[in-house]
Amino acid sequence: MITAEIGQPIRVSTAWGGKRPVAHLRYYAQVARDLQNELERPNAARKGTSTIRREPLGVAALIVPWNHPFASTTLKLGPALAAGCTVVIKPAEESPLDIYILAEACLTIGLPAGVINIVPGGRETGQILVAHPGIDKVGFTGSTAAGRSIASTMGERLLPVTLELGGKSAAIVLKSADLDMTMDSLRVASFENTGQTCASMSRVLVPQSRYAEVRDRLLAEMSGLRVGDPWDPETDLGPLVSTRIKDRALGLVHRAEESGVTVTRTHQDLPRTGCFVSPVLIENAAMDSEIAQTEVFGPVVSLHSYGSVEEAIDLANQSQYGLASAIFGDSAKAESVARRIQAGTVGINGYKPDLNHPYGGYKASGMGREFALEAVEAYQNTKTIWR
């Protein structure tokens, strides 16, 4: 269904639309079993203890994106249900159908009516839902612009919101990096889902002494990506989701080329119809340029050189975003660099998110955290009963 909706390669949708959502729900089912929603804590100023309770916020609006529609849904649904909330899910208008498979599953298992509700629609539907007096919490994944609007509405209502927004993530290749391992990782981290992933490593920073080597290896990796029929299990990159997204991505590349930066398009035999784009490598772009600062949401990577590790850290942090990063090289040095990166998640020698650890962004990449117990707590209020 997801491949039919958005053209996601079947190899990717099998994982993101099938295996991961099941893993999400099973994980949070176990969290719910182990959850301690009441605990006693000793009083500091007098004898005895007081009780701390975690209570569900109420009705949560889950507004999910089109790029990984089912996995994004279960990453919110699991913790919301574990917290004790009921939910209203609004799928993206580009991918409105896969959510009905969840609806069928709810009916099949006899889930009580009203626990999970689905309201399809576009931006206006989302705005109405966020402003609705029956909504007590919003979980949103999408653009930074939409996130700011939702945060403003929820701020006026003094209600909590979790926002997972855009990114322009930096991969830093240290002098000590194993390039075989680095390229294997970037093949996924930069290009999976045709680059239509918020945490994509779309900026690659390399030492000047290894620039040519990394450039050649990266171009070879990009040229080896197979673009085409998303139903073919051998396809790496499918079409972009829509003409609008394709035109936007190509417009960013065209303006970068006009500004004088080096643009290398890998030569692919693209299908004659559909929103297909070959992988693109950008070089010599200033870090404050449009192409280096704007989330493309396509198979476009910019390559930057640095002289010192200090410069690499500074360049990586020169972004309004702070969702993800990855450091490749000697583990101790990479960890030292990771601690200075302004991002909510940083991978060492690969970008490998794990459900048992919180995920989210700094700066314009969002607020609040998904994954792990922290996601459940985001759908709960804390009450103290003093004695």
Protein backbone atom coordinates (compact mmCIF):
# COMPACT_ATOMS: atom_id res chain seq x y z
CA MET A 1 0.00 0.00 0.00
CA ILE A 2 2.78 2.44 0.90
CA THR A 3 4.67 1.69 -2.30
CA ALA A 4 1.46 2.35 -4.24
CA GLU A 5 0.82 5.60 -2.38
CA ILE A 6 4.22 7.32 -2.41
CA GLY A 7 6.46 5.23 -4.68
CA GLN A 8 8.65 4.06 -1.81
CA PRO A 9 10.81 1.16 -3.04
CA ILE A 10 9.25 -2.11 -1.93
CA ARG A 11 12.47 -3.12 -0.19
CA VAL A 12 12.18 -0.01 1.99
CA SER A 13 8.42 -0.18 2.57
CA THR A 14 8.66 -3.82 3.63
CA ALA A 15 10.82 -2.68 6.53
CA TRP A 16 9.36 0.75 7.29
CA GLY A 17 5.75 -0.17 6.58
CA GLY A 18 5.72 -3.76 7.82
CA LYS A 19 8.43 -4.83 10.24
CA ARG A 20 9.14 -1.59 12.10
CA PRO A 21 5.53 -0.71 12.96
CA VAL A 22 5.02 -4.18 14.43
CA ALA A 23 8.25 -3.78 16.42
CA HIS A 24 7.07 -0.36 17.66
CA LEU A 25 3.76 -1.69 18.96
CA ARG A 26 5.31 -4.76 20.57
CA TYR A 27 7.92 -2.58 22.26
CA TYR A 28 5.33 -0.23 23.74
CA ALA A 29 3.09 -3.12 24.73
CA GLN A 30 5.97 -4.32 26.90
CA VAL A 31 6.58 -0.79 28.18
CA ALA A 32 2.90 -0.62 29.18
CA ARG A 33 3.22 -3.91 31.07
CA ASP A 34 6.26 -2.66 32.99
CA LEU A 35 5.09 0.92 33.49
CA GLN A 36 4.97 2.21 37.06
CA ASN A 37 2.48 5.06 37.07
CA GLU A 38 2.69 5.51 40.84
CA LEU A 39 5.72 5.64 43.06
CA GLU A 40 6.47 6.69 46.59
CA ARG A 41 9.27 9.17 47.28
CA PRO A 42 10.59 10.18 50.72
CA ASN A 43 9.72 13.67 51.91
CA ALA A 44 12.71 15.99 52.35
CA ALA A 45 11.41 18.22 55.19
CA ARG A 46 9.32 15.78 57.24
CA LYS A 47 8.88 12.11 57.90
CA GLY A 48 7.00 9.85 55.56
CA THR A 49 6.51 9.72 51.82
CA SER A 50 4.40 11.32 49.13
CA THR A 51 2.98 9.79 45.96
CA ILE A 52 3.91 10.74 42.41
CA ARG A 53 1.34 9.71 39.81
CA ARG A 54 1.55 9.67 36.02
CA GLU A 55 -1.87 10.21 34.44
CA PRO A 56 -2.88 10.25 30.75
CA LEU A 57 -3.29 13.69 29.22
CA GLY A 58 -6.54 12.69 27.50
CA VAL A 59 -7.12 12.80 23.75
CA ALA A 60 -4.00 13.04 21.60
CA ALA A 61 -3.97 14.26 18.00
CA LEU A 62 -1.35 12.36 15.99
CA ILE A 63 -0.51 14.19 12.75
CA VAL A 64 1.79 12.04 10.65
CA PRO A 65 3.86 12.64 7.49
CA TRP A 66 3.80 10.88 4.14
CA ASN A 67 7.44 9.84 3.87
CA HIS A 68 7.24 6.95 6.38
CA PRO A 69 3.52 7.05 7.08
CA PHE A 70 2.90 3.83 8.98
CA ALA A 71 6.09 3.81 11.05
CA SER A 72 5.56 7.48 11.96
CA THR A 73 2.04 6.57 13.09
CA THR A 74 3.05 3.67 15.34
CA LEU A 75 5.91 5.67 16.85
CA LYS A 76 3.23 8.01 18.21
CA LEU A 77 0.39 5.54 18.68
CA GLY A 78 2.40 3.10 20.80
CA PRO A 79 3.44 5.56 23.52
CA ALA A 80 0.06 7.35 23.47
CA LEU A 81 -1.82 4.11 24.13
CA ALA A 82 0.75 2.97 26.69
CA ALA A 83 0.25 6.29 28.50
CA GLY A 84 -3.52 5.67 28.62
CA CYS A 85 -4.60 8.23 25.99
CA THR A 86 -7.12 7.84 23.21
CA VAL A 87 -6.05 9.21 19.85
CA VAL A 88 -7.21 10.92 16.67
CA ILE A 89 -4.86 10.15 13.77
CA LYS A 90 -4.64 12.46 10.76
CA PRO A 91 -2.63 10.88 7.96
CA ALA A 92 -0.94 13.01 5.30
CA GLU A 93 -3.04 13.79 2.24
CA GLU A 94 -0.33 12.19 0.06
CA SER A 95 -0.72 8.87 1.93
CA PRO A 96 -4.30 8.54 3.21
CA LEU A 97 -4.90 4.84 2.55
CA ASP A 98 -2.41 2.77 4.55
CA ILE A 99 -3.95 3.94 7.83
CA TYR A 100 -7.11 2.02 6.98
CA ILE A 101 -5.15 -1.21 7.33
CA LEU A 102 -4.69 -0.17 10.97
CA ALA A 103 -8.44 0.52 11.18
CA GLU A 104 -9.17 -2.99 9.91
CA ALA A 105 -6.77 -4.44 12.48
CA CYS A 106 -8.51 -2.48 15.28
CA LEU A 107 -11.87 -3.92 14.24
CA THR A 108 -10.43 -7.41 13.94
CA ILE A 109 -9.11 -7.47 17.51
CA GLY A 110 -12.22 -5.85 18.94
CA LEU A 111 -10.60 -2.63 20.10
CA PRO A 112 -13.25 -0.51 21.87
CA ALA A 113 -14.80 2.20 19.72
CA GLY A 114 -13.26 5.62 20.25
CA VAL A 115 -9.80 4.49 21.34
CA ILE A 116 -8.31 5.01 17.88
CA ASN A 117 -10.00 7.47 15.52
CA ILE A 118 -8.95 8.43 11.99
CA VAL A 119 -9.65 11.75 10.29
CA PRO A 120 -8.19 12.06 6.78
CA GLY A 121 -7.67 15.46 5.22
CA GLY A 122 -5.19 18.16 4.31
CA ARG A 123 -3.64 21.12 6.09
CA GLU A 124 -7.00 22.69 6.98
CA THR A 125 -8.12 19.47 8.69
CA GLY A 126 -4.92 19.48 10.71
CA GLN A 127 -5.44 23.09 11.76
CA ILE A 128 -9.00 22.36 12.90
CA LEU A 129 -7.82 19.32 14.83
CA VAL A 130 -5.02 21.20 16.62
CA ALA A 131 -7.43 23.98 17.66
CA HIS A 132 -10.25 21.62 18.68
CA PRO A 133 -11.19 21.96 22.39
CA GLY A 134 -11.41 18.17 22.69
CA ILE A 135 -7.70 17.73 21.95
CA ASP A 136 -5.32 17.65 24.94
CA LYS A 137 -1.99 16.90 23.24
CA VAL A 138 -0.50 16.98 19.73
CA GLY A 139 2.22 14.77 18.33
CA PHE A 140 3.40 16.04 14.93
CA THR A 141 6.03 15.06 12.39
CA GLY A 142 6.50 17.30 9.37
CA SER A 143 7.94 20.58 8.19
CA THR A 144 9.41 23.19 10.49
CA ALA A 145 6.98 25.82 9.17
CA ALA A 146 3.96 23.68 10.03
CA GLY A 147 5.53 22.81 13.38
CA ARG A 148 5.86 26.47 14.29
CA SER A 149 2.19 27.04 13.46
CA ILE A 150 1.11 24.07 15.59
CA ALA A 151 3.34 25.15 18.47
CA SER A 152 1.82 28.64 18.33
CA THR A 153 -1.73 27.30 18.52
CA MET A 154 -0.89 24.87 21.33
CA GLY A 155 1.00 27.60 23.17
CA GLU A 156 -2.10 29.80 23.12
CA ARG A 157 -4.04 26.87 24.59
CA LEU A 158 -1.24 26.06 27.11
CA LEU A 159 -1.24 22.44 26.01
CA PRO A 160 1.76 20.15 25.35
CA VAL A 161 3.09 19.28 21.90
CA THR A 162 5.81 17.00 20.57
CA LEU A 163 7.35 18.14 17.28
CA GLU A 164 9.71 16.13 15.06
CA LEU A 165 10.60 18.52 12.27
CA GLY A 166 13.10 19.06 9.48
CA GLY A 167 16.81 18.45 9.29
CA LYS A 168 19.98 19.18 7.36
CA SER A 169 22.10 16.59 9.04
CA ALA A 170 25.89 16.51 8.88
CA ALA A 171 28.09 13.45 8.57
CA ILE A 172 31.66 14.21 9.66
CA VAL A 173 34.34 11.98 8.19
CA LEU A 174 37.49 12.10 10.32
CA LYS A 175 41.00 11.39 8.97
CA SER A 176 40.90 7.99 10.69
CA ALA A 177 37.60 6.92 9.09
CA ASP A 178 37.28 3.53 7.42
CA LEU A 179 35.88 4.58 4.03
CA ASP A 180 34.41 1.17 3.21
CA MET A 181 32.32 1.31 6.36
CA THR A 182 31.56 5.00 5.86
CA MET A 183 30.27 4.53 2.32
CA ASP A 184 28.17 1.52 3.30
CA SER A 185 26.57 3.65 6.00
CA LEU A 186 26.02 6.76 3.84
CA ARG A 187 24.40 4.65 1.13
CA VAL A 188 21.51 4.21 3.57
CA ALA A 189 21.85 7.27 5.81
CA SER A 190 21.94 9.74 2.91
CA PHE A 191 19.81 8.08 0.24
CA GLU A 192 17.30 5.66 1.75
CA ASN A 193 13.72 6.44 0.72
CA THR A 194 15.17 8.52 -2.14
CA GLY A 195 16.48 11.04 0.37
CA GLN A 196 12.97 11.75 1.67
CA THR A 197 13.84 11.28 5.34
CA CYS A 198 14.20 14.05 7.92
CA ALA A 199 17.39 12.57 9.40
CA SER A 200 19.13 12.06 6.03
CA MET A 201 22.85 12.84 6.12
CA SER A 202 22.62 15.49 3.41
CA ARG A 203 25.86 17.31 4.31
CA VAL A 204 29.13 15.35 4.30
CA LEU A 205 32.18 17.03 5.85
CA VAL A 206 35.63 15.63 5.03
CA PRO A 207 39.23 16.62 5.82
CA GLN A 208 41.03 18.43 3.01
CA SER A 209 43.64 15.68 2.87
CA ARG A 210 40.99 13.05 2.02
CA TYR A 211 38.60 15.20 0.00
CA ALA A 212 39.38 13.81 -3.46
CA GLU A 213 39.32 10.22 -2.18
CA VAL A 214 35.97 10.67 -0.45
CA ARG A 215 34.51 12.53 -3.42
CA ASP A 216 35.41 9.75 -5.82
CA ARG A 217 34.12 7.05 -3.49
CA LEU A 218 30.88 8.94 -2.85
CA LEU A 219 30.26 9.52 -6.55
CA ALA A 220 30.89 5.85 -7.26
CA GLU A 221 28.42 4.90 -4.54
CA MET A 222 25.81 7.29 -5.91
CA SER A 223 26.31 6.06 -9.48
CA GLY A 224 25.70 2.52 -8.26
CA LEU A 225 22.28 3.36 -6.85
CA ARG A 226 19.56 1.91 -9.03
CA VAL A 227 16.76 4.39 -9.81
CA GLY A 228 13.51 3.02 -11.18
CA ASP A 229 10.44 0.87 -10.61
CA PRO A 230 9.64 0.92 -6.87
CA TRP A 231 8.02 -2.53 -7.14
CA ASP A 232 11.35 -4.08 -8.17
CA PRO A 233 13.17 -5.46 -5.09
CA GLU A 234 16.49 -4.44 -6.68
CA THR A 235 15.52 -0.75 -6.89
CA ASP A 236 17.34 1.58 -4.49
CA LEU A 237 15.65 4.90 -5.33
CA GLY A 238 12.06 5.28 -6.44
CA PRO A 239 10.26 8.44 -7.58
CA LEU A 240 9.85 11.49 -5.41
CA VAL A 241 6.39 11.68 -3.92
CA SER A 242 4.93 14.37 -6.20
CA THR A 243 5.64 16.83 -8.97
CA ARG A 244 5.69 19.60 -6.36
CA ILE A 245 8.45 17.91 -4.37
CA LYS A 246 10.40 17.06 -7.53
CA ASP A 247 10.19 20.64 -8.85
CA ARG A 248 11.24 22.00 -5.48
CA ALA A 249 14.29 19.72 -5.27
CA LEU A 250 15.38 20.41 -8.84
CA GLY A 251 14.82 24.13 -8.30
CA LEU A 252 17.22 24.14 -5.35
CA VAL A 253 19.84 22.29 -7.40
CA HIS A 254 19.37 24.63 -10.40
CA ARG A 255 19.77 27.76 -8.29
CA ALA A 256 22.88 26.28 -6.67
CA GLU A 257 24.36 25.62 -10.11
CA GLU A 258 23.53 29.15 -11.24
CA SER A 259 25.32 30.52 -8.18
CA GLY A 260 28.56 28.87 -9.31
CA VAL A 261 28.82 25.75 -7.15
CA THR A 262 29.84 22.45 -8.73
CA VAL A 263 26.90 20.17 -9.45
CA THR A 264 27.49 16.56 -10.52
CA ARG A 265 24.48 14.55 -11.62
CA THR A 266 24.99 10.83 -11.78
CA HIS A 267 23.90 9.47 -15.16
CA GLN A 268 20.90 7.21 -14.83
CA ASP A 269 18.43 5.89 -17.37
CA LEU A 270 15.33 7.29 -15.70
CA PRO A 271 11.80 6.09 -16.47
CA ARG A 272 10.06 8.39 -18.93
CA THR A 273 7.11 9.02 -16.63
CA GLY A 274 7.03 9.71 -12.93
CA CYS A 275 8.87 12.02 -10.54
CA PHE A 276 12.29 10.37 -10.83
CA VAL A 277 15.53 12.21 -10.02
CA SER A 278 19.12 10.99 -10.31
CA PRO A 279 21.38 11.40 -7.26
CA VAL A 280 23.18 14.76 -7.21
CA LEU A 281 26.45 15.79 -5.55
CA ILE A 282 26.99 19.46 -4.66
CA GLU A 283 30.51 20.83 -4.15
CA ASN A 284 32.03 24.20 -3.20
CA ALA A 285 28.81 25.50 -1.66
CA ALA A 286 29.26 27.99 1.15
CA MET A 287 27.79 26.72 4.39
CA ASP A 288 25.46 29.72 4.54
CA SER A 289 24.16 29.15 1.00
CA GLU A 290 20.60 28.10 0.22
CA ILE A 291 21.56 24.59 -0.90
CA ALA A 292 23.60 23.95 2.27
CA GLN A 293 20.96 25.33 4.62
CA THR A 294 17.71 24.09 3.08
CA GLU A 295 16.27 20.61 3.48
CA VAL A 296 16.01 19.31 -0.10
CA PHE A 297 14.07 16.09 0.64
CA GLY A 298 15.57 14.31 -2.34
CA PRO A 299 18.74 12.40 -3.30
CA VAL A 300 20.99 15.47 -3.06
CA VAL A 301 24.14 15.60 -0.91
CA SER A 302 26.55 18.50 -0.45
CA LEU A 303 30.24 17.78 0.14
CA HIS A 304 32.35 20.19 2.21
CA SER A 305 36.02 20.18 3.19
CA TYR A 306 37.51 21.25 6.51
CA GLY A 307 41.02 21.94 7.78
CA SER A 308 40.74 21.02 11.46
CA VAL A 309 38.31 19.06 13.59
CA GLU A 310 37.38 22.33 15.29
CA GLU A 311 36.37 23.72 11.90
CA ALA A 312 34.37 20.57 11.14
CA ILE A 313 32.39 20.94 14.36
CA ASP A 314 31.77 24.61 13.62
CA LEU A 315 30.59 23.85 10.07
CA ALA A 316 28.31 21.05 11.26
CA ASN A 317 26.70 23.38 13.78
CA GLN A 318 26.14 26.15 11.21
CA SER A 319 22.54 25.16 10.61
CA GLN A 320 19.12 26.17 11.86
CA TYR A 321 18.46 22.44 12.25
CA GLY A 322 19.75 19.96 14.79
CA LEU A 323 18.05 16.62 14.25
CA ALA A 324 20.84 14.16 13.53
CA SER A 325 24.52 13.70 12.80
CA ALA A 326 27.06 10.91 12.34
CA ILE A 327 30.79 10.86 13.06
CA PHE A 328 33.08 8.39 11.27
CA GLY A 329 36.55 7.55 12.56
CA ASP A 330 38.41 6.43 15.64
CA SER A 331 35.73 5.69 18.23
CA ALA A 332 37.21 7.76 21.06
CA LYS A 333 37.78 10.79 18.82
CA ALA A 334 34.36 10.38 17.19
CA GLU A 335 32.68 10.30 20.59
CA SER A 336 34.52 13.45 21.64
CA VAL A 337 33.26 15.21 18.50
CA ALA A 338 29.71 13.86 18.97
CA ARG A 339 29.44 15.52 22.37
CA ARG A 340 29.97 18.93 20.74
CA ILE A 341 27.49 18.56 17.88
CA GLN A 342 24.24 20.51 18.26
CA ALA A 343 21.89 17.68 17.38
CA GLY A 344 19.44 15.54 19.30
CA THR A 345 20.85 12.27 17.95
CA VAL A 346 24.43 11.51 16.91
CA GLY A 347 25.73 8.21 15.58
CA ILE A 348 29.26 6.86 15.96
CA ASN A 349 30.50 5.12 12.79
CA GLY A 350 26.99 4.92 11.42
CA TYR A 351 23.57 6.33 12.18
CA LYS A 352 21.69 3.56 13.95
CA PRO A 353 18.66 4.76 15.95
CA ASP A 354 17.42 2.38 18.64
CA LEU A 355 13.88 2.38 20.01
CA ASN A 356 15.06 2.19 23.62
CA HIS A 357 16.67 5.63 23.48
CA PRO A 358 15.01 9.05 23.01
CA TYR A 359 14.92 10.60 19.53
CA GLY A 360 14.31 14.23 18.63
CA GLY A 361 15.94 17.46 17.58
CA TYR A 362 17.60 20.66 18.70
CA LYS A 363 16.78 24.11 17.33
CA ALA A 364 14.39 24.16 14.35
CA SER A 365 14.30 20.35 14.25
CA GLY A 366 11.65 20.19 16.93
CA MET A 367 10.85 19.90 20.60
CA GLY A 368 10.15 16.97 22.86
CA ARG A 369 11.26 13.39 22.27
CA GLU A 370 9.93 10.25 20.64
CA PHE A 371 11.12 6.66 21.25
CA ALA A 372 11.63 4.96 24.61
CA LEU A 373 9.98 5.73 27.95
CA GLU A 374 10.41 9.46 27.31
CA ALA A 375 7.79 9.23 24.54
CA VAL A 376 5.25 7.69 26.93
CA GLU A 377 5.86 10.39 29.54
CA ALA A 378 5.17 13.02 26.87
CA TYR A 379 1.54 11.81 26.82
CA GLN A 380 1.13 11.99 30.60
CA ASN A 381 0.65 14.55 33.34
CA THR A 382 2.49 14.35 36.66
CA LYS A 383 0.48 14.61 39.87
CA THR A 384 1.99 14.77 43.37
CA ILE A 385 -0.06 13.72 46.40
CA TRP A 386 1.70 15.19 49.46
CA ARG A 387 1.40 13.67 52.89
